[in-house]
Structures are given as C-alpha cells and as structure tokens.
Amino acid sequence: SKQIMAAGKHVISEKPLAMNTKESKELVKFAAKTGVVNAIDFNYRYYPLVQEAKAMVQSGKLGDVFHANGSYTQDWLHLATDWNWRLVPEFSGKSRAVADVGSHWCDCIQFITGLKIAKVCANFSTVHKHRMKPKKAVDTYSGKMLKASDYEAVPINTEDYANVLFEFNNGAQGSFSVSQCFAGRKNRLFYELSGSKCSTVWDQERPNEMWIGYREKANELLMKDPSLLSERARAYAHYPGGHPEAYPDGLKNFMRCVYSYIAGTTKVADFSTFKDGHDELAICEAILASDKSKKWQSVRY
C-alpha cells in the first residue's frame, strides 16, 4: 500500500490493513501526507439496514446508547480436520477469530453508534488444541473429507472462540463473542443496541429485517424497502421491497462510495478509511493483551 501511495495512486485495501498498529499508523500518516484517497473494506456497514441503524442514532430516534451486545459466529473451522492458512500465525497474525470476524463486529458497532471502544476485557478459548492439516491442498469451504493418512497433526495456538467485555468512550458498556466452531452458523454477525428511546437488533444472515423494540408500544419488524427507509439508508438500497440485498450489495455500495468520492460526485468521504483499519488493529491488540494478562486493557489508538 505504501508503494502504491508513493506513486500517487488511490488505494482500496482489504483488512487487515497491516500486521500491527505500528505498521498501520505509518500507513495512516503516509496516506495523509500523500493526499491520496484511501479506503478499507469493512463492507458490513454498507448494508441498507446497518445504515438505517446509524440514521436512528444520528436522528435521536434511538436515544442515548445504553449498551450493545452481539456476536459473530461461524462453523467453517468446526471440525478438527478443517484447515486454512488463517490457522498459521506467521501468515494471519497472533489473533484469528477476533481479527478475522470480530473486527467486522467492532467496526459495525462503532460506525452505528459513533462511539469508540475504549477498554476491553477478553478471554480466549482454543477448542481444537491440535488440528489435522491436509498433506495436499484442499479448497476452503469444500467440506471434502480425506483419509486419515492424508493428514498431519499440527498444534494450534490461536483462538477458536473469544468472549469480550468492553466500555465505550462515553461510559456505555457492552459485550460480544466470536466463534469459528459454532455448528450451523455460517456468517452470523449479530448485534443488539439498546437506547433510551428504543432498541434495534440486526442479523447478517437475515439482512433485510431489522427488529425495533419499544417499552410502551408494540415492537416493529422493519423490512428493507427504500420507501420505508431514512434518506441516509435509502441511498444504499437499490431494489424495491421484497428484493433481497445482502453481501455482494454491501461490497457494491462500498465501491460506489469510494469511486464517487474519487470522481468528485460526492464531497464527503463517507466510507471506511485506513484510520478505521488502524483503529480495528488497535482494538485487536488490546483484546490480545487482555486475554494474556486476564485484566482490563485500554485501547491505544
């Protein structure tokens, strides 16, 4: 990324932005110095109903944020015979489940609330202390089973599961868990956000539904429909109600935001940047430090 920016080119990066915050901070500073457009793909924030949740916070409909809870659960590493390069710290870094999918959850909740996760307290678990690595290449998610002689046992020292307590910079609290060994859950990014006026719940595996809860009147189930959404969220919904929009549409919306800004058709950089990528690495490092120390840790942005 640094070489590309040095050449004066705009950069869209996948996450993680870097292997650690020392590297990511350098990239953030270099991007500011060169003045190029920089973006990172936290694509879940570009779903129409995630944008609607942010609009609820911005407009005051949700009220003051009381607390946030949720999870990101998968089952693609549920079996001891499941293998992927992400299991190798030399390739993927010291954290696995938190860095891989927990970072998406944290980005979503910070984006929606406009708050920053300030402190964390984490506990990790490695379900499979050893995994059976195929001696030859096997496609990820293929589900292909090999003979016992086709595997070799490899020790695992990154987390299959993590449970995290956190505190926002305004004092509101929350918790989330991540698991890559949760049978039946494929990519379930799930959050519950409690406010003083109402609450909102969203499940990425049911992306066109938003539950809105009230104390003194009937709860609501909002279906994705441009005619029913706020002005902000409507810009991210491109099909009529009843036509689902999900993962590919989030990526499309992300790219549209970035390219519109580069082209000058929009004046505000309303997309995730290298700074967001750096922030997620800072949260991950604090979570790692908390699991190691078994104490609360401040996030050092």
C-alpha atoms as a PDB file:
ATOM      1  CA  SER A   1       0.000   0.000   0.000  1.00  0.00           C
ATOM      2  CA  LYS A   2       2.797   2.413   0.833  1.00  0.00           C
ATOM      3  CA  GLN A   3       4.499   1.881  -2.523  1.00  0.00           C
ATOM      4  CA  ILE A   4       1.216   2.453  -4.357  1.00  0.00           C
ATOM      5  CA  MET A   5       0.524   5.661  -2.435  1.00  0.00           C
ATOM      6  CA  ALA A   6       4.088   6.835  -3.082  1.00  0.00           C
ATOM      7  CA  ALA A   7       3.278   6.543  -6.779  1.00  0.00           C
ATOM      8  CA  GLY A   8       0.320   8.885  -6.253  1.00  0.00           C
ATOM      9  CA  LYS A   9      -2.342   6.215  -6.691  1.00  0.00           C
ATOM     10  CA  HIS A  10      -5.508   5.835  -4.644  1.00  0.00           C
ATOM     11  CA  VAL A  11      -5.672   2.639  -2.565  1.00  0.00           C
ATOM     12  CA  ILE A  12      -8.529   0.335  -1.581  1.00  0.00           C
ATOM     13  CA  SER A  13      -7.258  -2.259   0.896  1.00  0.00           C
ATOM     14  CA  GLU A  14      -8.711  -5.429   2.304  1.00  0.00           C
ATOM     15  CA  LYS A  15      -8.416  -5.907   6.047  1.00  0.00           C
ATOM     16  CA  PRO A  16      -6.235  -6.245   7.950  1.00  0.00           C
ATOM     17  CA  LEU A  17      -4.592  -3.023   6.882  1.00  0.00           C
ATOM     18  CA  ALA A  18      -1.291  -4.269   8.344  1.00  0.00           C
ATOM     19  CA  MET A  19       0.089  -6.868  10.744  1.00  0.00           C
ATOM     20  CA  ASN A  20       0.232  -4.481  13.717  1.00  0.00           C
ATOM     21  CA  THR A  21      -0.568  -0.922  14.782  1.00  0.00           C
ATOM     22  CA  LYS A  22       3.000   0.261  14.249  1.00  0.00           C
ATOM     23  CA  GLU A  23       2.647  -0.542  10.555  1.00  0.00           C
ATOM     24  CA  SER A  24      -0.940   0.714  10.281  1.00  0.00           C
ATOM     25  CA  LYS A  25      -0.133   4.024  11.980  1.00  0.00           C
ATOM     26  CA  GLU A  26       2.653   4.540   9.463  1.00  0.00           C
ATOM     27  CA  LEU A  27       0.214   3.906   6.600  1.00  0.00           C
ATOM     28  CA  VAL A  28      -2.344   6.352   8.029  1.00  0.00           C
ATOM     29  CA  LYS A  29       0.307   9.074   8.305  1.00  0.00           C
ATOM     30  CA  PHE A  30       1.675   8.363   4.833  1.00  0.00           C
ATOM     31  CA  ALA A  31      -1.815   8.475   3.311  1.00  0.00           C
ATOM     32  CA  ALA A  32      -2.381  11.903   4.865  1.00  0.00           C
ATOM     33  CA  LYS A  33       0.994  13.085   3.587  1.00  0.00           C
ATOM     34  CA  THR A  34       0.383  11.983   0.004  1.00  0.00           C
ATOM     35  CA  GLY A  35      -3.239  13.110  -0.066  1.00  0.00           C
ATOM     36  CA  VAL A  36      -4.439  10.038  -1.954  1.00  0.00           C
ATOM     37  CA  VAL A  37      -7.860   8.524  -1.341  1.00  0.00           C
ATOM     38  CA  ASN A  38      -7.507   5.547   0.993  1.00  0.00           C
ATOM     39  CA  ALA A  39     -10.203   3.038   1.901  1.00  0.00           C
ATOM     40  CA  ILE A  40     -10.540  -0.300   3.653  1.00  0.00           C
ATOM     41  CA  ASP A  41     -13.256  -2.876   3.079  1.00  0.00           C
ATOM     42  CA  PHE A  42     -15.444  -3.117   6.163  1.00  0.00           C
ATOM     43  CA  ASN A  43     -18.341  -3.955   3.902  1.00  0.00           C
ATOM     44  CA  TYR A  44     -20.994  -4.815   6.511  1.00  0.00           C
ATOM     45  CA  ARG A  45     -21.515  -1.147   7.340  1.00  0.00           C
ATOM     46  CA  TYR A  46     -22.816  -0.633   3.782  1.00  0.00           C
ATOM     47  CA  TYR A  47     -25.904  -2.826   4.178  1.00  0.00           C
ATOM     48  CA  PRO A  48     -29.098  -0.717   3.955  1.00  0.00           C
ATOM     49  CA  LEU A  49     -30.345  -1.678   7.428  1.00  0.00           C
ATOM     50  CA  VAL A  50     -26.980  -1.053   9.094  1.00  0.00           C
ATOM     51  CA  GLN A  51     -27.151   2.412   7.571  1.00  0.00           C
ATOM     52  CA  GLU A  52     -30.708   2.684   8.927  1.00  0.00           C
ATOM     53  CA  ALA A  53     -29.459   1.868  12.428  1.00  0.00           C
ATOM     54  CA  LYS A  54     -26.871   4.639  12.144  1.00  0.00           C
ATOM     55  CA  ALA A  55     -29.589   7.025  10.967  1.00  0.00           C
ATOM     56  CA  MET A  56     -31.633   6.101  14.057  1.00  0.00           C
ATOM     57  CA  VAL A  57     -28.711   7.087  16.282  1.00  0.00           C
ATOM     58  CA  GLN A  58     -27.932  10.284  14.368  1.00  0.00           C
ATOM     59  CA  SER A  59     -31.560  11.453  14.328  1.00  0.00           C
ATOM     60  CA  GLY A  60     -32.076  10.756  18.026  1.00  0.00           C
ATOM     61  CA  LYS A  61     -34.714   8.088  17.372  1.00  0.00           C
ATOM     62  CA  LEU A  62     -32.708   5.531  19.383  1.00  0.00           C
ATOM     63  CA  GLY A  63     -31.917   7.996  22.160  1.00  0.00           C
ATOM     64  CA  ASP A  64     -28.827   7.694  24.324  1.00  0.00           C
ATOM     65  CA  VAL A  65     -26.877   4.462  23.839  1.00  0.00           C
ATOM     66  CA  PHE A  66     -27.264   2.294  26.947  1.00  0.00           C
ATOM     67  CA  HIS A  67     -25.340  -0.810  25.885  1.00  0.00           C
ATOM     68  CA  ALA A  68     -24.501  -3.049  22.928  1.00  0.00           C
ATOM     69  CA  ASN A  69     -24.240  -6.818  22.701  1.00  0.00           C
ATOM     70  CA  GLY A  70     -23.729  -9.335  19.947  1.00  0.00           C
ATOM     71  CA  SER A  71     -21.631 -11.976  18.277  1.00  0.00           C
ATOM     72  CA  TYR A  72     -20.093 -13.174  15.054  1.00  0.00           C
ATOM     73  CA  THR A  73     -20.409 -16.940  14.715  1.00  0.00           C
ATOM     74  CA  GLN A  74     -19.238 -19.336  12.004  1.00  0.00           C
ATOM     75  CA  ASP A  75     -18.758 -23.083  11.619  1.00  0.00           C
ATOM     76  CA  TRP A  76     -16.183 -23.316   8.840  1.00  0.00           C
ATOM     77  CA  LEU A  77     -13.494 -24.397  11.357  1.00  0.00           C
ATOM     78  CA  HIS A  78     -15.847 -26.529  13.469  1.00  0.00           C
ATOM     79  CA  LEU A  79     -14.056 -29.818  12.793  1.00  0.00           C
ATOM     80  CA  ALA A  80     -10.525 -30.715  13.782  1.00  0.00           C
ATOM     81  CA  THR A  81      -9.971 -31.652  10.133  1.00  0.00           C
ATOM     82  CA  ASP A  82     -10.887 -28.148   8.916  1.00  0.00           C
ATOM     83  CA  TRP A  83      -7.766 -26.335   7.757  1.00  0.00           C
ATOM     84  CA  ASN A  84      -6.924 -22.919   6.341  1.00  0.00           C
ATOM     85  CA  TRP A  85      -3.952 -20.572   6.172  1.00  0.00           C
ATOM     86  CA  ARG A  86      -5.635 -18.395   8.813  1.00  0.00           C
ATOM     87  CA  LEU A  87      -4.677 -21.071  11.354  1.00  0.00           C
ATOM     88  CA  VAL A  88      -0.996 -20.203  10.834  1.00  0.00           C
ATOM     89  CA  PRO A  89       0.043 -17.140  12.926  1.00  0.00           C
ATOM     90  CA  GLU A  90       3.016 -16.459  10.659  1.00  0.00           C
ATOM     91  CA  PHE A  91       0.530 -15.728   7.867  1.00  0.00           C
ATOM     92  CA  SER A  92      -2.512 -14.362   9.699  1.00  0.00           C
ATOM     93  CA  GLY A  93      -1.120 -12.793  12.879  1.00  0.00           C
ATOM     94  CA  LYS A  94      -1.424 -13.559  16.593  1.00  0.00           C
ATOM     95  CA  SER A  95      -5.238 -13.383  16.631  1.00  0.00           C
ATOM     96  CA  ARG A  96      -7.572 -15.392  14.414  1.00  0.00           C
ATOM     97  CA  ALA A  97     -11.294 -15.268  15.231  1.00  0.00           C
ATOM     98  CA  VAL A  98     -11.156 -11.781  16.751  1.00  0.00           C
ATOM     99  CA  ALA A  99      -9.005 -10.321  13.982  1.00  0.00           C
ATOM    100  CA  ASP A 100     -10.865 -12.114  11.190  1.00  0.00           C
ATOM    101  CA  VAL A 101     -14.520 -11.562  12.122  1.00  0.00           C
ATOM    102  CA  GLY A 102     -14.531  -9.757  15.469  1.00  0.00           C
ATOM    103  CA  SER A 103     -13.023  -6.758  13.703  1.00  0.00           C
ATOM    104  CA  HIS A 104     -16.124  -6.576  11.487  1.00  0.00           C
ATOM    105  CA  TRP A 105     -18.387  -6.596  14.556  1.00  0.00           C
ATOM    106  CA  CYS A 106     -16.408  -3.841  16.257  1.00  0.00           C
ATOM    107  CA  ASP A 107     -16.379  -1.717  13.118  1.00  0.00           C
ATOM    108  CA  CYS A 108     -20.152  -2.074  12.726  1.00  0.00           C
ATOM    109  CA  ILE A 109     -20.962  -1.112  16.296  1.00  0.00           C
ATOM    110  CA  GLN A 110     -18.563   1.852  16.295  1.00  0.00           C
ATOM    111  CA  PHE A 111     -19.896   3.018  12.922  1.00  0.00           C
ATOM    112  CA  ILE A 112     -23.531   2.819  14.038  1.00  0.00           C
ATOM    113  CA  THR A 113     -23.084   4.461  17.440  1.00  0.00           C
ATOM    114  CA  GLY A 114     -20.369   6.948  16.540  1.00  0.00           C
ATOM    115  CA  LEU A 115     -18.623   5.844  19.750  1.00  0.00           C
ATOM    116  CA  LYS A 116     -15.175   4.320  20.274  1.00  0.00           C
ATOM    117  CA  ILE A 117     -14.403   1.161  22.208  1.00  0.00           C
ATOM    118  CA  ALA A 118     -12.129   2.484  24.948  1.00  0.00           C
ATOM    119  CA  LYS A 119     -11.469  -0.531  27.206  1.00  0.00           C
ATOM    120  CA  VAL A 120     -11.733  -4.301  26.802  1.00  0.00           C
ATOM    121  CA  CYS A 121     -11.625  -7.433  28.942  1.00  0.00           C
ATOM    122  CA  ALA A 122     -11.240 -10.658  26.975  1.00  0.00           C
ATOM    123  CA  ASN A 123     -10.982 -14.409  27.420  1.00  0.00           C
ATOM    124  CA  PHE A 124      -9.956 -16.785  24.617  1.00  0.00           C
ATOM    125  CA  SER A 125     -10.539 -20.483  24.062  1.00  0.00           C
ATOM    126  CA  THR A 126      -8.937 -22.849  21.570  1.00  0.00           C
ATOM    127  CA  VAL A 127     -11.382 -25.696  21.066  1.00  0.00           C
ATOM    128  CA  HIS A 128      -9.051 -27.797  18.943  1.00  0.00           C
ATOM    129  CA  LYS A 129      -5.595 -27.824  20.534  1.00  0.00           C
ATOM    130  CA  HIS A 130      -4.389 -29.790  17.513  1.00  0.00           C
ATOM    131  CA  ARG A 131      -5.786 -29.801  14.009  1.00  0.00           C
ATOM    132  CA  MET A 132      -5.309 -32.222  11.176  1.00  0.00           C
ATOM    133  CA  LYS A 133      -3.597 -30.415   8.318  1.00  0.00           C
ATOM    134  CA  PRO A 134      -4.064 -31.978   4.855  1.00  0.00           C
ATOM    135  CA  LYS A 135      -0.807 -33.037   3.279  1.00  0.00           C
ATOM    136  CA  LYS A 136      -2.113 -31.719  -0.044  1.00  0.00           C
ATOM    137  CA  ALA A 137      -4.161 -28.651  -0.961  1.00  0.00           C
ATOM    138  CA  VAL A 138      -7.923 -28.701  -0.277  1.00  0.00           C
ATOM    139  CA  ASP A 139     -10.315 -25.887  -1.224  1.00  0.00           C
ATOM    140  CA  THR A 140     -11.638 -23.772   1.673  1.00  0.00           C
ATOM    141  CA  TYR A 141     -15.325 -24.457   2.474  1.00  0.00           C
ATOM    142  CA  SER A 142     -15.217 -27.535   0.199  1.00  0.00           C
ATOM    143  CA  GLY A 143     -16.209 -29.897   3.015  1.00  0.00           C
ATOM    144  CA  LYS A 144     -14.068 -32.554   1.374  1.00  0.00           C
ATOM    145  CA  MET A 145     -13.004 -35.344   3.737  1.00  0.00           C
ATOM    146  CA  LEU A 146      -9.706 -37.137   3.264  1.00  0.00           C
ATOM    147  CA  LYS A 147      -8.353 -40.412   4.618  1.00  0.00           C
ATOM    148  CA  ALA A 148      -6.565 -40.386   7.991  1.00  0.00           C
ATOM    149  CA  SER A 149      -3.249 -40.932   6.252  1.00  0.00           C
ATOM    150  CA  ASP A 150      -3.782 -37.722   4.268  1.00  0.00           C
ATOM    151  CA  TYR A 151      -3.445 -35.550   7.407  1.00  0.00           C
ATOM    152  CA  GLU A 152      -0.709 -34.481   9.801  1.00  0.00           C
ATOM    153  CA  ALA A 153      -1.369 -33.215  13.349  1.00  0.00           C
ATOM    154  CA  VAL A 154      -0.439 -29.564  13.927  1.00  0.00           C
ATOM    155  CA  PRO A 155      -0.634 -27.685  17.287  1.00  0.00           C
ATOM    156  CA  ILE A 156      -2.924 -24.625  17.299  1.00  0.00           C
ATOM    157  CA  ASN A 157      -2.233 -21.516  19.382  1.00  0.00           C
ATOM    158  CA  THR A 158      -4.803 -19.035  18.081  1.00  0.00           C
ATOM    159  CA  GLU A 159      -8.373 -18.661  19.346  1.00  0.00           C
ATOM    160  CA  ASP A 160     -11.409 -20.566  18.058  1.00  0.00           C
ATOM    161  CA  TYR A 161     -13.617 -18.584  20.450  1.00  0.00           C
ATOM    162  CA  ALA A 162     -13.380 -15.284  22.301  1.00  0.00           C
ATOM    163  CA  ASN A 163     -15.621 -13.504  24.769  1.00  0.00           C
ATOM    164  CA  VAL A 164     -15.098  -9.753  25.139  1.00  0.00           C
ATOM    165  CA  LEU A 165     -16.479  -7.187  27.584  1.00  0.00           C
ATOM    166  CA  PHE A 166     -15.964  -3.577  26.553  1.00  0.00           C
ATOM    167  CA  GLU A 167     -16.634   0.016  27.516  1.00  0.00           C
ATOM    168  CA  PHE A 168     -17.270   2.855  25.080  1.00  0.00           C
ATOM    169  CA  ASN A 169     -15.589   6.232  25.426  1.00  0.00           C
ATOM    170  CA  ASN A 170     -18.851   7.664  26.832  1.00  0.00           C
ATOM    171  CA  GLY A 171     -19.037   5.039  29.591  1.00  0.00           C
ATOM    172  CA  ALA A 172     -21.700   2.838  27.978  1.00  0.00           C
ATOM    173  CA  GLN A 173     -20.844  -0.849  28.124  1.00  0.00           C
ATOM    174  CA  GLY A 174     -21.273  -3.948  26.025  1.00  0.00           C
ATOM    175  CA  SER A 175     -20.068  -7.417  25.153  1.00  0.00           C
ATOM    176  CA  PHE A 176     -19.566  -9.614  22.139  1.00  0.00           C
ATOM    177  CA  SER A 177     -18.336 -13.092  21.355  1.00  0.00           C
ATOM    178  CA  VAL A 178     -16.817 -14.649  18.257  1.00  0.00           C
ATOM    179  CA  SER A 179     -16.632 -18.302  17.318  1.00  0.00           C
ATOM    180  CA  GLN A 180     -15.453 -20.225  14.277  1.00  0.00           C
ATOM    181  CA  CYS A 181     -16.660 -23.515  15.774  1.00  0.00           C
ATOM    182  CA  PHE A 182     -20.410 -22.881  16.063  1.00  0.00           C
ATOM    183  CA  ALA A 183     -22.251 -25.596  14.114  1.00  0.00           C
ATOM    184  CA  GLY A 184     -24.903 -24.258  11.772  1.00  0.00           C
ATOM    185  CA  ARG A 185     -23.868 -20.610  11.850  1.00  0.00           C
ATOM    186  CA  LYS A 186     -22.170 -19.626   8.617  1.00  0.00           C
ATOM    187  CA  ASN A 187     -21.571 -15.872   8.877  1.00  0.00           C
ATOM    188  CA  ARG A 188     -23.857 -14.582  11.601  1.00  0.00           C
ATOM    189  CA  LEU A 189     -22.848 -11.059  12.511  1.00  0.00           C
ATOM    190  CA  PHE A 190     -25.489 -10.182  15.108  1.00  0.00           C
ATOM    191  CA  TYR A 191     -25.914  -7.101  17.278  1.00  0.00           C
ATOM    192  CA  GLU A 192     -28.384  -5.707  19.802  1.00  0.00           C
ATOM    193  CA  LEU A 193     -28.199  -1.997  20.506  1.00  0.00           C
ATOM    194  CA  SER A 194     -30.139  -0.628  23.481  1.00  0.00           C
ATOM    195  CA  GLY A 195     -31.065   3.051  23.573  1.00  0.00           C
ATOM    196  CA  SER A 196     -33.073   5.246  25.922  1.00  0.00           C
ATOM    197  CA  LYS A 197     -35.981   5.516  23.435  1.00  0.00           C
ATOM    198  CA  CYS A 198     -35.883   2.131  21.694  1.00  0.00           C
ATOM    199  CA  SER A 199     -33.600  -0.746  20.797  1.00  0.00           C
ATOM    200  CA  THR A 200     -32.585  -2.269  17.484  1.00  0.00           C
ATOM    201  CA  VAL A 201     -31.453  -5.768  16.528  1.00  0.00           C
ATOM    202  CA  TRP A 202     -29.949  -6.997  13.252  1.00  0.00           C
ATOM    203  CA  ASP A 203     -28.715 -10.362  11.986  1.00  0.00           C
ATOM    204  CA  GLN A 204     -26.460 -10.512   8.913  1.00  0.00           C
ATOM    205  CA  GLU A 205     -27.894 -13.930   7.996  1.00  0.00           C
ATOM    206  CA  ARG A 206     -31.322 -12.213   7.783  1.00  0.00           C
ATOM    207  CA  PRO A 207     -30.041  -8.938   6.334  1.00  0.00           C
ATOM    208  CA  ASN A 208     -33.334  -7.499   5.103  1.00  0.00           C
ATOM    209  CA  GLU A 209     -35.005  -7.471   8.536  1.00  0.00           C
ATOM    210  CA  MET A 210     -34.492  -5.086  11.442  1.00  0.00           C
ATOM    211  CA  TRP A 211     -36.219  -5.610  14.789  1.00  0.00           C
ATOM    212  CA  ILE A 212     -37.046  -2.413  16.677  1.00  0.00           C
ATOM    213  CA  GLY A 213     -38.120  -2.744  20.309  1.00  0.00           C
ATOM    214  CA  TYR A 214     -40.169  -0.366  22.458  1.00  0.00           C
ATOM    215  CA  ARG A 215     -41.201  -0.268  26.116  1.00  0.00           C
ATOM    216  CA  GLU A 216     -44.628   1.337  25.750  1.00  0.00           C
ATOM    217  CA  LYS A 217     -45.913   0.201  22.361  1.00  0.00           C
ATOM    218  CA  ALA A 218     -45.779  -2.761  20.018  1.00  0.00           C
ATOM    219  CA  ASN A 219     -42.408  -3.771  18.654  1.00  0.00           C
ATOM    220  CA  GLU A 220     -41.699  -3.484  14.929  1.00  0.00           C
ATOM    221  CA  LEU A 221     -40.074  -5.623  12.248  1.00  0.00           C
ATOM    222  CA  LEU A 222     -38.806  -3.295   9.537  1.00  0.00           C
ATOM    223  CA  MET A 223     -38.308  -4.956   6.157  1.00  0.00           C
ATOM    224  CA  LYS A 224     -35.777  -3.458   3.775  1.00  0.00           C
ATOM    225  CA  ASP A 225     -37.805  -1.244   1.429  1.00  0.00           C
ATOM    226  CA  PRO A 226     -36.433   2.039   0.052  1.00  0.00           C
ATOM    227  CA  SER A 227     -39.801   3.728   0.523  1.00  0.00           C
ATOM    228  CA  LEU A 228     -39.696   2.972   4.271  1.00  0.00           C
ATOM    229  CA  LEU A 229     -36.072   3.882   4.989  1.00  0.00           C
ATOM    230  CA  SER A 230     -34.430   7.114   6.083  1.00  0.00           C
ATOM    231  CA  GLU A 231     -32.802   9.295   3.451  1.00  0.00           C
ATOM    232  CA  ARG A 232     -29.379   8.053   4.512  1.00  0.00           C
ATOM    233  CA  ALA A 233     -30.227   4.349   4.249  1.00  0.00           C
ATOM    234  CA  ARG A 234     -32.286   4.778   1.080  1.00  0.00           C
ATOM    235  CA  ALA A 235     -29.115   5.641  -0.825  1.00  0.00           C
ATOM    236  CA  TYR A 236     -27.831   2.125  -0.069  1.00  0.00           C
ATOM    237  CA  ALA A 237     -30.977   0.252  -1.145  1.00  0.00           C
ATOM    238  CA  HIS A 238     -31.138  -0.198  -4.912  1.00  0.00           C
ATOM    239  CA  TYR A 239     -34.035  -2.619  -5.342  1.00  0.00           C
ATOM    240  CA  PRO A 240     -37.723  -2.447  -4.404  1.00  0.00           C
ATOM    241  CA  GLY A 241     -39.003  -4.018  -1.195  1.00  0.00           C
ATOM    242  CA  GLY A 242     -39.164  -7.787  -1.404  1.00  0.00           C
ATOM    243  CA  HIS A 243     -35.978  -7.997  -3.467  1.00  0.00           C
ATOM    244  CA  PRO A 244     -33.189  -9.033  -1.055  1.00  0.00           C
ATOM    245  CA  GLU A 245     -29.941  -7.101  -0.812  1.00  0.00           C
ATOM    246  CA  ALA A 246     -27.034  -8.596   1.074  1.00  0.00           C
ATOM    247  CA  TYR A 247     -23.301  -9.357   0.973  1.00  0.00           C
ATOM    248  CA  PRO A 248     -22.497  -8.538  -2.690  1.00  0.00           C
ATOM    249  CA  ASP A 249     -24.562  -5.363  -2.420  1.00  0.00           C
ATOM    250  CA  GLY A 250     -22.582  -4.221   0.616  1.00  0.00           C
ATOM    251  CA  LEU A 251     -19.367  -4.516  -1.377  1.00  0.00           C
ATOM    252  CA  LYS A 252     -21.006  -2.723  -4.316  1.00  0.00           C
ATOM    253  CA  ASN A 253     -22.104   0.124  -2.042  1.00  0.00           C
ATOM    254  CA  PHE A 254     -18.601   0.392  -0.589  1.00  0.00           C
ATOM    255  CA  MET A 255     -17.037   0.645  -4.038  1.00  0.00           C
ATOM    256  CA  ARG A 256     -19.687   3.148  -5.142  1.00  0.00           C
ATOM    257  CA  CYS A 257     -18.908   5.385  -2.163  1.00  0.00           C
ATOM    258  CA  VAL A 258     -15.168   5.310  -2.838  1.00  0.00           C
ATOM    259  CA  TYR A 259     -15.364   5.812  -6.589  1.00  0.00           C
ATOM    260  CA  SER A 260     -17.956   8.594  -6.267  1.00  0.00           C
ATOM    261  CA  TYR A 261     -15.597  10.437  -3.935  1.00  0.00           C
ATOM    262  CA  ILE A 262     -12.642   9.938  -6.283  1.00  0.00           C
ATOM    263  CA  ALA A 263     -14.747  11.179  -9.211  1.00  0.00           C
ATOM    264  CA  GLY A 264     -15.852  14.220  -7.228  1.00  0.00           C
ATOM    265  CA  THR A 265     -19.573  13.461  -7.444  1.00  0.00           C
ATOM    266  CA  THR A 266     -19.693  13.314  -3.642  1.00  0.00           C
ATOM    267  CA  LYS A 267     -17.790  15.755  -1.445  1.00  0.00           C
ATOM    268  CA  VAL A 268     -17.759  13.759   1.804  1.00  0.00           C
ATOM    269  CA  ALA A 269     -15.611  10.638   2.264  1.00  0.00           C
ATOM    270  CA  ASP A 270     -18.443   8.561   3.735  1.00  0.00           C
ATOM    271  CA  PHE A 271     -16.554   5.264   3.732  1.00  0.00           C
ATOM    272  CA  SER A 272     -14.124   3.342   5.916  1.00  0.00           C
ATOM    273  CA  THR A 273     -10.552   4.593   5.605  1.00  0.00           C
ATOM    274  CA  PHE A 274      -7.091   3.500   6.698  1.00  0.00           C
ATOM    275  CA  LYS A 275      -7.823   5.193  10.035  1.00  0.00           C
ATOM    276  CA  ASP A 276     -10.687   2.741  10.588  1.00  0.00           C
ATOM    277  CA  GLY A 277      -8.344  -0.118   9.680  1.00  0.00           C
ATOM    278  CA  HIS A 278      -5.810   1.152  12.199  1.00  0.00           C
ATOM    279  CA  ASP A 279      -8.485   1.504  14.880  1.00  0.00           C
ATOM    280  CA  GLU A 280      -9.580  -2.119  14.463  1.00  0.00           C
ATOM    281  CA  LEU A 281      -5.982  -3.299  14.797  1.00  0.00           C
ATOM    282  CA  ALA A 282      -5.692  -1.245  18.000  1.00  0.00           C
ATOM    283  CA  ILE A 283      -8.810  -2.934  19.392  1.00  0.00           C
ATOM    284  CA  CYS A 284      -7.485  -6.374  18.436  1.00  0.00           C
ATOM    285  CA  GLU A 285      -4.153  -5.697  20.122  1.00  0.00           C
ATOM    286  CA  ALA A 286      -5.913  -4.576  23.308  1.00  0.00           C
ATOM    287  CA  ILE A 287      -8.071  -7.714  23.251  1.00  0.00           C
ATOM    288  CA  LEU A 288      -4.975  -9.894  22.821  1.00  0.00           C
ATOM    289  CA  ALA A 289      -3.256  -8.110  25.711  1.00  0.00           C
ATOM    290  CA  SER A 290      -6.336  -8.545  27.902  1.00  0.00           C
ATOM    291  CA  ASP A 291      -6.562 -12.265  27.247  1.00  0.00           C
ATOM    292  CA  LYS A 292      -2.874 -12.635  28.086  1.00  0.00           C
ATOM    293  CA  SER A 293      -2.979 -10.529  31.268  1.00  0.00           C
ATOM    294  CA  LYS A 294      -6.527 -11.515  32.323  1.00  0.00           C
ATOM    295  CA  LYS A 295      -7.112  -7.832  33.070  1.00  0.00           C
ATOM    296  CA  TRP A 296      -8.948  -4.885  31.534  1.00  0.00           C
ATOM    297  CA  GLN A 297      -6.864  -3.111  28.887  1.00  0.00           C
ATOM    298  CA  SER A 298      -7.244   0.353  27.380  1.00  0.00           C
ATOM    299  CA  VAL A 299      -7.343   0.606  23.592  1.00  0.00           C
ATOM    300  CA  ARG A 300      -4.356   2.650  22.420  1.00  0.00           C
ATOM    301  CA  TYR A 301      -5.492   4.307  19.204  1.00  0.00           C
END
